[in-house]
């Protein structure tokens, strides 16, 4: 996505009444969704996925052909799972909190499967 226009139309938690608690903790005291600024190293073959789905703030080329991408995403329950679905095509460089969340989820996945192979 490019040339995005922010409309400043708030999406308040009341709009999700009746849904599960998956959005709990994602809103600040004003009712706004909290965003996290991510720095990602993404393979050439996967960079299009991020650019098709989100407004990328910056892209830098690296010597090995990967791209360093900076963008802000909502810090909600699915963020970890979204990033994990890229597998080895993406590494979160920052922030450390998100890196830790991904590492912890991968640890749990490994425990689930390690004695079943």
Protein backbone atom coordinates (compact mmCIF):
# COMPACT_ATOMS: atom_id res chain seq x y z
CA UNK A 1 0.00 0.00 0.00
CA UNK A 2 1.20 3.45 -0.77
CA UNK A 3 -0.15 6.98 -0.32
CA UNK A 4 -2.41 6.03 2.56
CA UNK A 5 -4.71 8.68 3.98
CA UNK A 6 -5.38 8.53 7.69
CA UNK A 7 -8.96 9.56 8.33
CA UNK A 8 -8.64 9.90 12.11
CA UNK A 9 -11.93 8.08 12.56
CA UNK A 10 -11.63 6.25 15.89
CA UNK A 11 -12.48 2.59 16.19
CA UNK A 12 -13.64 2.18 19.75
CA UNK A 13 -13.79 -1.06 21.72
CA UNK A 14 -17.61 -0.77 21.88
CA UNK A 15 -17.67 -1.64 18.19
CA UNK A 16 -16.42 -5.12 19.13
CA UNK A 17 -18.98 -5.79 21.84
CA UNK A 18 -19.88 -9.46 21.96
CA UNK A 19 -16.57 -10.61 20.51
CA UNK A 20 -14.01 -12.56 22.51
CA UNK A 21 -11.41 -10.92 24.73
CA UNK A 22 -8.79 -11.21 21.97
CA UNK A 23 -8.64 -7.42 21.78
CA UNK A 24 -8.19 -6.93 25.53
CA UNK A 25 -5.23 -4.72 26.37
CA UNK A 26 -4.89 -3.37 22.84
CA UNK A 27 -6.48 0.01 23.49
CA UNK A 28 -4.99 2.89 25.43
CA UNK A 29 -6.89 5.07 27.89
CA UNK A 30 -8.39 7.15 25.05
CA UNK A 31 -9.82 4.11 23.28
CA UNK A 32 -7.21 4.20 20.53
CA UNK A 33 -5.49 1.05 19.30
CA UNK A 34 -1.86 0.85 20.37
CA UNK A 35 0.69 0.52 17.57
CA UNK A 36 4.22 -0.85 17.72
CA UNK A 37 7.00 0.27 15.38
CA UNK A 38 8.74 -2.77 13.91
CA UNK A 39 12.05 -3.17 12.14
CA UNK A 40 12.06 -6.34 10.06
CA UNK A 41 14.59 -8.10 7.89
CA UNK A 42 12.61 -9.70 5.08
CA UNK A 43 13.69 -11.95 2.21
CA UNK A 44 13.30 -10.70 -1.36
CA UNK A 45 10.64 -13.32 -2.00
CA UNK A 46 8.44 -12.24 0.94
CA UNK A 47 8.80 -8.46 0.90
CA UNK A 48 5.84 -8.06 -1.47
CA UNK A 49 3.51 -9.61 1.13
CA UNK A 50 4.26 -6.90 3.66
CA UNK A 51 4.10 -4.13 1.06
CA UNK A 52 0.75 -5.41 -0.26
CA UNK A 53 -0.82 -5.51 3.18
CA UNK A 54 0.66 -2.55 5.09
CA UNK A 55 1.97 0.98 4.73
CA UNK A 56 5.74 0.63 4.92
CA UNK A 57 7.62 3.60 6.40
CA UNK A 58 11.03 2.74 4.95
CA UNK A 59 12.84 0.05 2.96
CA UNK A 60 16.60 -0.45 2.85
CA UNK A 61 18.50 -2.92 0.68
CA UNK A 62 21.16 -5.09 2.29
CA UNK A 63 24.24 -6.63 0.70
CA UNK A 64 22.76 -10.14 0.84
CA UNK A 65 19.57 -9.10 -0.99
CA UNK A 66 17.22 -8.97 1.98
CA UNK A 67 15.29 -5.80 2.82
CA UNK A 68 15.16 -3.93 6.12
CA UNK A 69 11.59 -2.67 6.49
CA UNK A 70 10.21 -0.30 9.09
CA UNK A 71 6.46 -0.09 9.69
CA UNK A 72 3.95 0.29 12.49
CA UNK A 73 1.35 -2.39 13.16
CA UNK A 74 -1.39 -2.71 15.76
CA UNK A 75 -0.04 -4.41 18.87
CA UNK A 76 -2.89 -6.89 19.11
CA UNK A 77 -3.16 -10.61 19.81
CA UNK A 78 -2.58 -11.79 16.23
CA UNK A 79 0.65 -9.85 15.61
CA UNK A 80 2.91 -12.66 16.85
CA UNK A 81 1.10 -15.24 14.72
CA UNK A 82 1.13 -13.01 11.66
CA UNK A 83 4.90 -12.57 11.92
CA UNK A 84 5.53 -16.27 12.62
CA UNK A 85 3.66 -17.26 9.46
CA UNK A 86 6.57 -15.85 7.42
CA UNK A 87 8.80 -18.57 8.86
CA UNK A 88 12.46 -18.02 8.01
CA UNK A 89 11.57 -15.38 5.42
CA UNK A 90 11.32 -12.69 8.13
CA UNK A 91 13.24 -11.74 11.28
CA UNK A 92 12.03 -9.12 13.72
CA UNK A 93 15.04 -6.93 14.53
CA UNK A 94 13.16 -4.60 16.89
CA UNK A 95 11.55 -4.16 19.33
CA UNK A 96 12.92 -6.80 21.66
CA UNK A 97 9.48 -7.33 23.24
CA UNK A 98 8.08 -8.64 19.94
CA UNK A 99 11.19 -10.79 19.35
CA UNK A 100 10.64 -12.30 22.80
CA UNK A 101 6.95 -12.96 22.10
CA UNK A 102 7.85 -14.79 18.89
CA UNK A 103 10.62 -16.82 20.56
CA UNK A 104 8.24 -17.84 23.36
CA UNK A 105 5.52 -18.93 20.94
CA UNK A 106 8.04 -20.92 18.88
CA UNK A 107 9.22 -22.59 22.10
CA UNK A 108 5.61 -23.62 22.86
CA UNK A 109 5.13 -24.93 19.33
CA UNK A 110 8.34 -26.93 19.63
CA UNK A 111 7.17 -28.46 22.93
CA UNK A 112 3.90 -29.44 21.28
CA UNK A 113 5.64 -31.33 18.50
CA UNK A 114 9.04 -32.40 19.82
CA UNK A 115 7.99 -35.82 21.16
CA UNK A 116 5.57 -36.53 18.29
CA UNK A 117 7.98 -36.71 15.38
